[in-house]
Amino acid sequence: MGTLVVACGALAREITSLVTAHGWEQLRVTCLPAKLHNHPDQIPDALRNKIQEERRDDEDVLVMYGDCGTSGGIDKVLAEFEATRIPGAHCYAFYAGEAKFDALMAEEPGSFFLTDYLVRQFETLIIKGLGLDRFPQLHADYFGNYHRLVYLAQTDDDNLDQQAQAAAKRLGLIYEKRRTGLGDLADFMVRAA
């Protein structure tokens, strides 16, 4: 009996590296497209379909999503399949740790967060995904209430750090970097395996 891991595509690199590094052959990883985060209402149905398509008899299901703006929709799908998910509202909370993330938000509620994945995909998901490349006048609507960009770094990568700084400058936000590593994601995967 193994475990099907259904993950957000934004976590694919990190989860795959953990599975490979630890030799967890009992875990089968499949991912949903990360772009679903621009349409969180579509995540629960996509998750349900993926579990139905991929699950083998007697496999446990582990879901690597926070609530991700679904207003409990993911948890309803989990109940249907007796599946388990990583605790937390979103990846920022489980990378930073929920208490540290809450402290970051209390310190500056106007914080916009990036992970390694979001730094790599900044142009595609943020600029083009929000239509800022075509409608730059929307910048104030999207980012007018933000004051800082916090890069929650999973790795020590100077290139990503420079890209994150450039993203902050492009959005007109103060830049801050916090090295988180894989945070609660790694701990949860180790316990699950």
Protein backbone atom coordinates (compact mmCIF):
# COMPACT_ATOMS: atom_id res chain seq x y z
CA MET A 1 0.00 0.00 0.00
CA GLY A 2 1.40 3.38 -1.00
CA THR A 3 0.41 7.01 -0.92
CA LEU A 4 -0.73 9.24 -3.73
CA VAL A 5 0.56 12.77 -3.21
CA VAL A 6 -1.47 15.39 -5.06
CA ALA A 7 0.35 18.70 -4.98
CA CYS A 8 0.09 22.20 -6.26
CA GLY A 9 2.40 22.63 -9.24
CA ALA A 10 4.08 25.49 -7.38
CA LEU A 11 5.44 22.89 -4.94
CA ALA A 12 6.45 20.26 -7.50
CA ARG A 13 10.19 20.98 -7.46
CA GLU A 14 10.45 20.93 -3.69
CA ILE A 15 8.28 17.84 -3.19
CA THR A 16 10.00 15.88 -5.95
CA SER A 17 13.42 16.72 -4.51
CA LEU A 18 12.32 15.53 -1.05
CA VAL A 19 10.91 12.27 -2.44
CA THR A 20 14.08 11.63 -4.46
CA ALA A 21 16.49 12.60 -1.66
CA HIS A 22 14.79 10.32 0.86
CA GLY A 23 14.08 7.45 -1.54
CA TRP A 24 10.38 7.42 -0.67
CA GLU A 25 9.34 4.94 -3.34
CA GLN A 26 5.97 4.43 -1.63
CA LEU A 27 4.96 7.98 -2.59
CA ARG A 28 3.57 8.70 -6.07
CA VAL A 29 3.51 12.42 -6.82
CA THR A 30 1.18 14.12 -9.25
CA CYS A 31 0.52 17.84 -9.55
CA LEU A 32 -2.20 20.24 -10.57
CA PRO A 33 -1.28 23.35 -12.56
CA ALA A 34 -0.04 26.18 -10.36
CA LYS A 35 -2.03 28.66 -12.45
CA LEU A 36 -5.16 27.44 -10.66
CA HIS A 37 -4.24 29.90 -7.92
CA ASN A 38 -5.49 32.67 -10.17
CA HIS A 39 -8.86 30.87 -10.02
CA PRO A 40 -9.09 29.26 -6.55
CA ASP A 41 -12.76 28.37 -7.09
CA GLN A 42 -11.55 25.79 -9.66
CA ILE A 43 -9.08 24.03 -7.34
CA PRO A 44 -11.56 21.75 -5.49
CA ASP A 45 -13.05 20.26 -8.68
CA ALA A 46 -9.62 19.86 -10.25
CA LEU A 47 -8.40 18.17 -7.09
CA ARG A 48 -11.39 15.82 -6.99
CA ASN A 49 -10.87 14.87 -10.65
CA LYS A 50 -7.14 14.29 -10.15
CA ILE A 51 -7.72 12.01 -7.16
CA GLN A 52 -10.36 10.03 -9.06
CA GLU A 53 -8.07 9.66 -12.08
CA GLU A 54 -4.86 8.81 -10.25
CA ARG A 55 -5.77 6.94 -7.06
CA ARG A 56 -5.09 3.22 -7.00
CA ASP A 57 -6.92 0.74 -4.75
CA ASP A 58 -5.99 1.02 -1.08
CA GLU A 59 -3.78 4.08 -1.58
CA ASP A 60 -3.81 6.83 0.99
CA VAL A 61 -4.10 10.34 -0.39
CA LEU A 62 -1.93 13.19 0.80
CA VAL A 63 -2.75 16.67 -0.52
CA MET A 64 -0.09 19.34 -0.61
CA TYR A 65 -2.30 22.43 -0.68
CA GLY A 66 -3.22 24.91 1.98
CA ASP A 67 -6.77 26.19 1.79
CA CYS A 68 -5.45 28.52 -0.94
CA GLY A 69 -8.48 30.79 -1.05
CA THR A 70 -11.01 27.99 -1.58
CA SER A 71 -13.04 28.87 1.55
CA GLY A 72 -12.94 25.27 2.76
CA GLY A 73 -13.53 23.75 -0.68
CA ILE A 74 -10.36 21.66 -0.54
CA ASP A 75 -11.29 20.29 2.87
CA LYS A 76 -14.69 19.16 1.53
CA VAL A 77 -12.91 17.19 -1.20
CA LEU A 78 -10.55 15.69 1.38
CA ALA A 79 -13.52 14.45 3.39
CA GLU A 80 -14.88 12.63 0.31
CA PHE A 81 -11.67 10.62 -0.03
CA GLU A 82 -10.57 10.45 3.63
CA ALA A 83 -7.46 12.32 2.50
CA THR A 84 -5.06 14.43 4.54
CA ARG A 85 -3.55 17.80 3.69
CA ILE A 86 -0.74 19.88 5.04
CA PRO A 87 -2.05 22.33 7.65
CA GLY A 88 -2.18 26.02 6.85
CA ALA A 89 -3.99 28.57 4.79
CA HIS A 90 -1.34 28.70 2.03
CA CYS A 91 2.24 27.85 1.16
CA TYR A 92 3.54 31.07 2.73
CA ALA A 93 2.33 29.85 6.12
CA PHE A 94 3.85 26.39 5.83
CA TYR A 95 7.15 27.62 4.39
CA ALA A 96 7.59 30.31 7.05
CA GLY A 97 5.81 28.37 9.80
CA GLU A 98 2.37 29.53 10.86
CA ALA A 99 3.53 31.47 13.93
CA LYS A 100 6.30 33.27 12.00
CA PHE A 101 3.94 34.04 9.13
CA ASP A 102 1.37 35.48 11.55
CA ALA A 103 4.14 37.61 13.09
CA LEU A 104 5.15 38.87 9.62
CA MET A 105 1.55 39.88 8.93
CA ALA A 106 1.15 41.54 12.33
CA GLU A 107 4.38 43.46 11.71
CA GLU A 108 3.20 44.71 8.29
CA PRO A 109 -0.29 43.74 7.08
CA GLY A 110 0.54 45.26 3.68
CA SER A 111 2.97 42.48 2.77
CA PHE A 112 3.09 40.76 -0.60
CA PHE A 113 4.87 37.39 -0.55
CA LEU A 114 6.93 35.48 -3.09
CA THR A 115 8.38 31.98 -2.87
CA ASP A 116 11.15 30.54 -5.04
CA TYR A 117 8.51 29.35 -7.49
CA LEU A 118 6.78 32.72 -7.65
CA VAL A 119 10.07 34.51 -8.18
CA ARG A 120 10.81 32.20 -11.13
CA GLN A 121 7.29 32.69 -12.52
CA PHE A 122 6.83 36.36 -11.57
CA GLU A 123 6.43 37.62 -15.12
CA THR A 124 4.02 34.83 -16.12
CA LEU A 125 1.85 34.61 -13.01
CA ILE A 126 1.93 38.13 -11.60
CA ILE A 127 2.55 40.52 -14.47
CA LYS A 128 0.86 38.64 -17.32
CA GLY A 129 -1.47 36.62 -15.07
CA LEU A 130 -2.97 39.77 -13.57
CA GLY A 131 -2.97 41.56 -16.92
CA LEU A 132 -0.49 44.23 -15.82
CA ASP A 133 1.43 43.84 -19.07
CA ARG A 134 -1.67 44.92 -21.01
CA PHE A 135 -3.31 47.18 -18.43
CA PRO A 136 -0.59 48.83 -16.33
CA GLN A 137 -3.19 51.18 -14.87
CA LEU A 138 -4.38 48.22 -12.76
CA HIS A 139 -1.14 48.33 -10.74
CA ALA A 140 -2.61 50.62 -8.07
CA ASP A 141 -5.76 48.49 -7.84
CA TYR A 142 -3.75 45.33 -7.19
CA PHE A 143 -0.80 46.68 -5.21
CA GLY A 144 -1.88 50.05 -3.83
CA ASN A 145 -2.33 48.70 -0.30
CA TYR A 146 0.93 46.77 -0.18
CA HIS A 147 4.05 48.30 1.35
CA ARG A 148 6.65 45.56 1.19
CA LEU A 149 7.50 42.44 -0.77
CA VAL A 150 8.75 39.57 1.39
CA TYR A 151 10.69 36.88 -0.41
CA LEU A 152 10.33 33.64 1.54
CA ALA A 153 13.40 31.88 0.15
CA GLN A 154 13.50 28.10 0.09
CA THR A 155 17.05 28.10 -1.30
CA ASP A 156 20.17 30.24 -1.22
CA ASP A 157 20.23 31.38 -4.81
CA ASP A 158 21.72 34.77 -5.62
CA ASN A 159 19.98 34.84 -9.01
CA LEU A 160 16.55 34.34 -7.40
CA ASP A 161 17.38 36.97 -4.79
CA GLN A 162 18.22 39.48 -7.54
CA GLN A 163 15.00 38.60 -9.39
CA ALA A 164 12.97 39.06 -6.19
CA GLN A 165 14.61 42.46 -5.62
CA ALA A 166 13.76 43.44 -9.20
CA ALA A 167 10.15 42.31 -8.64
CA ALA A 168 9.90 44.49 -5.53
CA LYS A 169 11.30 47.46 -7.43
CA ARG A 170 8.91 46.86 -10.33
CA LEU A 171 5.95 46.82 -7.93
CA GLY A 172 7.25 49.82 -5.99
CA LEU A 173 7.54 47.87 -2.74
CA ILE A 174 10.19 47.70 -0.02
CA TYR A 175 12.20 44.48 -0.37
CA GLU A 176 12.77 41.99 2.42
CA LYS A 177 14.13 38.46 2.29
CA ARG A 178 13.48 35.72 4.85
CA ARG A 179 15.27 32.40 4.45
CA THR A 180 12.72 29.72 5.33
CA GLY A 181 14.00 26.57 3.68
CA LEU A 182 11.19 24.09 3.21
CA GLY A 183 9.77 24.83 6.66
CA ASP A 184 6.74 22.79 7.67
CA LEU A 185 6.52 21.27 4.17
CA ALA A 186 9.60 19.10 4.82
CA ASP A 187 8.44 18.15 8.33
CA PHE A 188 4.98 17.18 7.05
CA MET A 189 6.42 15.07 4.23
CA VAL A 190 8.77 13.26 6.61
CA ARG A 191 5.89 12.42 8.97
CA ALA A 192 3.67 11.32 6.07
CA ALA A 193 6.33 9.09 4.54
